[in-house]
PDB file of N, CA and C in Angstrom:
ATOM      1  N   MET A   1     122.957  64.545 109.511  1.00  0.00           N
ATOM      2  CA  MET A   1     121.932  65.536 109.310  1.00  0.00           C
ATOM      3  C   MET A   1     122.144  66.331 108.033  1.00  0.00           C
ATOM      4  N   SER A   2     123.353  66.422 107.577  1.00  0.00           N
ATOM      5  CA  SER A   2     123.615  67.203 106.370  1.00  0.00           C
ATOM      6  C   SER A   2     122.816  66.671 105.178  1.00  0.00           C
ATOM      7  N   GLY A   3     122.797  65.366 105.025  1.00  0.00           N
ATOM      8  CA  GLY A   3     122.054  64.764 103.918  1.00  0.00           C
ATOM      9  C   GLY A   3     120.562  64.978 104.050  1.00  0.00           C
ATOM     10  N   ASP A   4     120.045  64.858 105.264  1.00  0.00           N
ATOM     11  CA  ASP A   4     118.619  65.099 105.491  1.00  0.00           C
ATOM     12  C   ASP A   4     118.254  66.543 105.166  1.00  0.00           C
ATOM     13  N   THR A   5     119.104  67.464 105.600  1.00  0.00           N
ATOM     14  CA  THR A   5     118.857  68.876 105.334  1.00  0.00           C
ATOM     15  C   THR A   5     118.917  69.162 103.844  1.00  0.00           C
ATOM     16  N   PHE A   6     119.928  68.614 103.178  1.00  0.00           N
ATOM     17  CA  PHE A   6     120.049  68.794 101.729  1.00  0.00           C
ATOM     18  C   PHE A   6     118.800  68.264 101.024  1.00  0.00           C
ATOM     19  N   ASN A   7     118.418  67.032 101.333  1.00  0.00           N
ATOM     20  CA  ASN A   7     117.274  66.410 100.657  1.00  0.00           C
ATOM     21  C   ASN A   7     115.971  67.155 100.921  1.00  0.00           C
ATOM     22  N   GLY A   8     115.766  67.576 102.145  1.00  0.00           N
ATOM     23  CA  GLY A   8     114.547  68.311 102.473  1.00  0.00           C
ATOM     24  C   GLY A   8     114.476  69.641 101.753  1.00  0.00           C
ATOM     25  N   THR A   9     115.598  70.348 101.736  1.00  0.00           N
ATOM     26  CA  THR A   9     115.649  71.638 101.059  1.00  0.00           C
ATOM     27  C   THR A   9     115.466  71.469  99.558  1.00  0.00           C
ATOM     28  N   LEU A  10     116.081  70.446  99.001  1.00  0.00           N
ATOM     29  CA  LEU A  10     115.941  70.161  97.573  1.00  0.00           C
ATOM     30  C   LEU A  10     114.485  69.834  97.231  1.00  0.00           C
ATOM     31  N   ALA A  11     113.848  69.013  98.045  1.00  0.00           N
ATOM     32  CA  ALA A  11     112.459  68.631  97.804  1.00  0.00           C
ATOM     33  C   ALA A  11     111.530  69.839  97.832  1.00  0.00           C
ATOM     34  N   VAL A  12     111.751  70.746  98.778  1.00  0.00           N
ATOM     35  CA  VAL A  12     110.916  71.947  98.859  1.00  0.00           C
ATOM     36  C   VAL A  12     111.099  72.798  97.610  1.00  0.00           C
ATOM     37  N   GLY A  13     112.346  72.992  97.186  1.00  0.00           N
ATOM     38  CA  GLY A  13     112.602  73.786  95.992  1.00  0.00           C
ATOM     39  C   GLY A  13     111.945  73.197  94.755  1.00  0.00           C
ATOM     40  N   ILE A  14     112.037  71.889  94.606  1.00  0.00           N
ATOM     41  CA  ILE A  14     111.407  71.224  93.459  1.00  0.00           C
ATOM     42  C   ILE A  14     109.885  71.370  93.538  1.00  0.00           C
ATOM     43  N   ALA A  15     109.324  71.162  94.729  1.00  0.00           N
ATOM     44  CA  ALA A  15     107.874  71.275  94.900  1.00  0.00           C
ATOM     45  C   ALA A  15     107.380  72.685  94.610  1.00  0.00           C
ATOM     46  N   GLU A  16     108.218  73.675  94.876  1.00  0.00           N
ATOM     47  CA  GLU A  16     107.840  75.062  94.619  1.00  0.00           C
ATOM     48  C   GLU A  16     108.094  75.460  93.164  1.00  0.00           C
ATOM     49  N   GLY A  17     108.638  74.541  92.365  1.00  0.00           N
ATOM     50  CA  GLY A  17     108.860  74.813  90.950  1.00  0.00           C
ATOM     51  C   GLY A  17     110.045  75.718  90.664  1.00  0.00           C
ATOM     52  N   LYS A  18     110.993  75.767  91.589  1.00  0.00           N
ATOM     53  CA  LYS A  18     112.155  76.632  91.413  1.00  0.00           C
ATOM     54  C   LYS A  18     113.158  76.008  90.452  1.00  0.00           C
ATOM     55  N   ASN A  19     114.038  76.838  89.921  1.00  0.00           N
ATOM     56  CA  ASN A  19     115.105  76.415  89.023  1.00  0.00           C
ATOM     57  C   ASN A  19     115.956  75.350  89.707  1.00  0.00           C
ATOM     58  N   LEU A  20     116.165  74.216  89.037  1.00  0.00           N
ATOM     59  CA  LEU A  20     116.876  73.096  89.658  1.00  0.00           C
ATOM     60  C   LEU A  20     118.317  73.444  90.024  1.00  0.00           C
ATOM     61  N   LYS A  21     119.029  74.141  89.145  1.00  0.00           N
ATOM     62  CA  LYS A  21     120.421  74.487  89.420  1.00  0.00           C
ATOM     63  C   LYS A  21     120.532  75.361  90.673  1.00  0.00           C
ATOM     64  N   GLU A  22     119.678  76.362  90.781  1.00  0.00           N
ATOM     65  CA  GLU A  22     119.699  77.238  91.952  1.00  0.00           C
ATOM     66  C   GLU A  22     119.230  76.500  93.199  1.00  0.00           C
ATOM     67  N   THR A  23     118.270  75.597  93.041  1.00  0.00           N
ATOM     68  CA  THR A  23     117.781  74.812  94.172  1.00  0.00           C
ATOM     69  C   THR A  23     118.879  73.905  94.719  1.00  0.00           C
ATOM     70  N   ILE A  24     119.674  73.315  93.839  1.00  0.00           N
ATOM     71  CA  ILE A  24     120.783  72.468  94.275  1.00  0.00           C
ATOM     72  C   ILE A  24     121.823  73.292  95.020  1.00  0.00           C
ATOM     73  N   LYS A  25     122.139  74.484  94.530  1.00  0.00           N
ATOM     74  CA  LYS A  25     123.091  75.361  95.230  1.00  0.00           C
ATOM     75  C   LYS A  25     122.565  75.714  96.621  1.00  0.00           C
ATOM     76  N   PHE A  26     121.280  76.031  96.687  1.00  0.00           N
ATOM     77  CA  PHE A  26     120.652  76.388  97.959  1.00  0.00           C
ATOM     78  C   PHE A  26     120.682  75.197  98.920  1.00  0.00           C
ATOM     79  N   ALA A  27     120.372  74.008  98.418  1.00  0.00           N
ATOM     80  CA  ALA A  27     120.380  72.795  99.242  1.00  0.00           C
ATOM     81  C   ALA A  27     121.791  72.466  99.722  1.00  0.00           C
ATOM     82  N   ASN A  28     122.791  72.680  98.877  1.00  0.00           N
ATOM     83  CA  ASN A  28     124.187  72.467  99.288  1.00  0.00           C
ATOM     84  C   ASN A  28     124.562  73.397 100.428  1.00  0.00           C
ATOM     85  N   ALA A  29     124.169  74.650 100.318  1.00  0.00           N
ATOM     86  CA  ALA A  29     124.454  75.612 101.381  1.00  0.00           C
ATOM     87  C   ALA A  29     123.745  75.220 102.673  1.00  0.00           C
ATOM     88  N   ALA A  30     122.503  74.779 102.558  1.00  0.00           N
ATOM     89  CA  ALA A  30     121.754  74.350 103.741  1.00  0.00           C
ATOM     90  C   ALA A  30     122.441  73.163 104.413  1.00  0.00           C
ATOM     91  N   GLY A  31     122.879  72.200 103.619  1.00  0.00           N
ATOM     92  CA  GLY A  31     123.586  71.046 104.165  1.00  0.00           C
ATOM     93  C   GLY A  31     124.881  71.438 104.847  1.00  0.00           C
ATOM     94  N   ALA A  32     125.613  72.362 104.226  1.00  0.00           N
ATOM     95  CA  ALA A  32     126.871  72.827 104.821  1.00  0.00           C
ATOM     96  C   ALA A  32     126.631  73.508 106.162  1.00  0.00           C
ATOM     97  N   LEU A  33     125.618  74.338 106.232  1.00  0.00           N
ATOM     98  CA  LEU A  33     125.311  75.022 107.495  1.00  0.00           C
ATOM     99  C   LEU A  33     124.839  74.062 108.573  1.00  0.00           C
ATOM    100  N   SER A  34     124.187  72.995 108.185  1.00  0.00           N
ATOM    101  CA  SER A  34     123.617  72.074 109.177  1.00  0.00           C
ATOM    102  C   SER A  34     124.686  71.376 110.014  1.00  0.00           C
ATOM    103  N   VAL A  35     125.893  71.290 109.508  1.00  0.00           N
ATOM    104  CA  VAL A  35     126.946  70.603 110.272  1.00  0.00           C
ATOM    105  C   VAL A  35     127.694  71.548 111.209  1.00  0.00           C
ATOM    106  N   THR A  36     127.262  72.797 111.274  1.00  0.00           N
ATOM    107  CA  THR A  36     127.934  73.755 112.149  1.00  0.00           C
ATOM    108  C   THR A  36     127.308  73.835 113.537  1.00  0.00           C
ATOM    109  N   LYS A  37     126.196  73.115 113.753  1.00  0.00           N
ATOM    110  CA  LYS A  37     125.515  73.122 115.051  1.00  0.00           C
ATOM    111  C   LYS A  37     125.197  71.692 115.482  1.00  0.00           C
ATOM    112  N   LEU A  38     125.095  71.496 116.789  1.00  0.00           N
ATOM    113  CA  LEU A  38     124.739  70.194 117.339  1.00  0.00           C
ATOM    114  C   LEU A  38     123.225  70.023 117.391  1.00  0.00           C
ATOM    115  N   GLY A  39     122.769  68.791 117.252  1.00  0.00           N
ATOM    116  CA  GLY A  39     121.352  68.468 117.376  1.00  0.00           C
ATOM    117  C   GLY A  39     120.639  68.479 116.048  1.00  0.00           C
ATOM    118  N   ALA A  40     119.602  67.678 115.956  1.00  0.00           N
ATOM    119  CA  ALA A  40     118.870  67.552 114.690  1.00  0.00           C
ATOM    120  C   ALA A  40     118.087  68.820 114.351  1.00  0.00           C
ATOM    121  N   GLN A  41     117.197  69.221 115.206  1.00  0.00           N
ATOM    122  CA  GLN A  41     116.387  70.405 114.902  1.00  0.00           C
ATOM    123  C   GLN A  41     117.188  71.702 114.986  1.00  0.00           C
ATOM    124  N   PRO A  42     118.020  71.883 115.999  1.00  0.00           N
ATOM    125  CA  PRO A  42     118.788  73.132 116.060  1.00  0.00           C
ATOM    126  C   PRO A  42     119.761  73.315 114.884  1.00  0.00           C
ATOM    127  N   SER A  43     120.153  72.221 114.256  1.00  0.00           N
ATOM    128  CA  SER A  43     121.119  72.337 113.161  1.00  0.00           C
ATOM    129  C   SER A  43     120.467  72.676 111.827  1.00  0.00           C
ATOM    130  N   ALA A  44     119.148  72.594 111.736  1.00  0.00           N
ATOM    131  CA  ALA A  44     118.460  72.931 110.486  1.00  0.00           C
ATOM    132  C   ALA A  44     118.460  74.449 110.323  1.00  0.00           C
ATOM    133  N   PRO A  45     119.136  74.953 109.278  1.00  0.00           N
ATOM    134  CA  PRO A  45     119.239  76.403 109.126  1.00  0.00           C
ATOM    135  C   PRO A  45     117.944  77.034 108.625  1.00  0.00           C
ATOM    136  N   MET A  46     117.750  78.275 108.993  1.00  0.00           N
ATOM    137  CA  MET A  46     116.605  79.047 108.518  1.00  0.00           C
ATOM    138  C   MET A  46     116.945  79.596 107.130  1.00  0.00           C
ATOM    139  N   LYS A  47     115.913  79.895 106.359  1.00  0.00           N
ATOM    140  CA  LYS A  47     116.095  80.383 104.987  1.00  0.00           C
ATOM    141  C   LYS A  47     116.995  81.624 104.943  1.00  0.00           C
ATOM    142  N   ASN A  48     116.783  82.539 105.861  1.00  0.00           N
ATOM    143  CA  ASN A  48     117.578  83.759 105.921  1.00  0.00           C
ATOM    144  C   ASN A  48     119.057  83.438 106.161  1.00  0.00           C
ATOM    145  N   ASP A  49     119.330  82.460 107.030  1.00  0.00           N
ATOM    146  CA  ASP A  49     120.711  82.053 107.306  1.00  0.00           C
ATOM    147  C   ASP A  49     121.374  81.481 106.051  1.00  0.00           C
ATOM    148  N   ILE A  50     120.617  80.705 105.298  1.00  0.00           N
ATOM    149  CA  ILE A  50     121.150  80.106 104.068  1.00  0.00           C
ATOM    150  C   ILE A  50     121.451  81.206 103.048  1.00  0.00           C
ATOM    151  N   ASN A  51     120.532  82.145 102.892  1.00  0.00           N
ATOM    152  CA  ASN A  51     120.742  83.248 101.953  1.00  0.00           C
ATOM    153  C   ASN A  51     121.978  84.075 102.327  1.00  0.00           C
ATOM    154  N   ASN A  52     122.133  84.371 103.620  1.00  0.00           N
ATOM    155  CA  ASN A  52     123.295  85.130 104.066  1.00  0.00           C
ATOM    156  C   ASN A  52     124.589  84.361 103.829  1.00  0.00           C
ATOM    157  N   PHE A  53     124.559  83.073 104.080  1.00  0.00           N
ATOM    158  CA  PHE A  53     125.733  82.219 103.853  1.00  0.00           C
ATOM    159  C   PHE A  53     126.116  82.235 102.363  1.00  0.00           C
ATOM    160  N   MET A  54     125.120  82.135 101.503  1.00  0.00           N
ATOM    161  CA  MET A  54     125.380  82.116 100.057  1.00  0.00           C
ATOM    162  C   MET A  54     125.922  83.475  99.595  1.00  0.00           C
ATOM    163  N   LYS A  55     125.435  84.562 100.128  1.00  0.00           N
ATOM    164  CA  LYS A  55     125.913  85.895  99.762  1.00  0.00           C
ATOM    165  C   LYS A  55     127.365  86.109 100.182  1.00  0.00           C
ATOM    166  N   SER A  56     127.755  85.468 101.279  1.00  0.00           N
ATOM    167  CA  SER A  56     129.117  85.658 101.792  1.00  0.00           C
ATOM    168  C   SER A  56     130.147  84.828 101.045  1.00  0.00           C
ATOM    169  N   ARG A  57     129.728  83.971 100.129  1.00  0.00           N
ATOM    170  CA  ARG A  57     130.647  83.112  99.386  1.00  0.00           C
ATOM    171  C   ARG A  57     130.818  83.584  97.991  1.00  0.00           C
TER     172      ARG A  57
END
């Protein structure tokens, strides 16, 4: 699921026209968070969770 989460998050960032470097960092964080929970849908992190995770690093 980590790869799916990374790719989906990356695709959204690109589609929204966001900075590629920041989008990759955001997608990496999303992928990292996705492996902390069981299940496909429950493991997909919310935007707020990703932002908080990035702030804590």
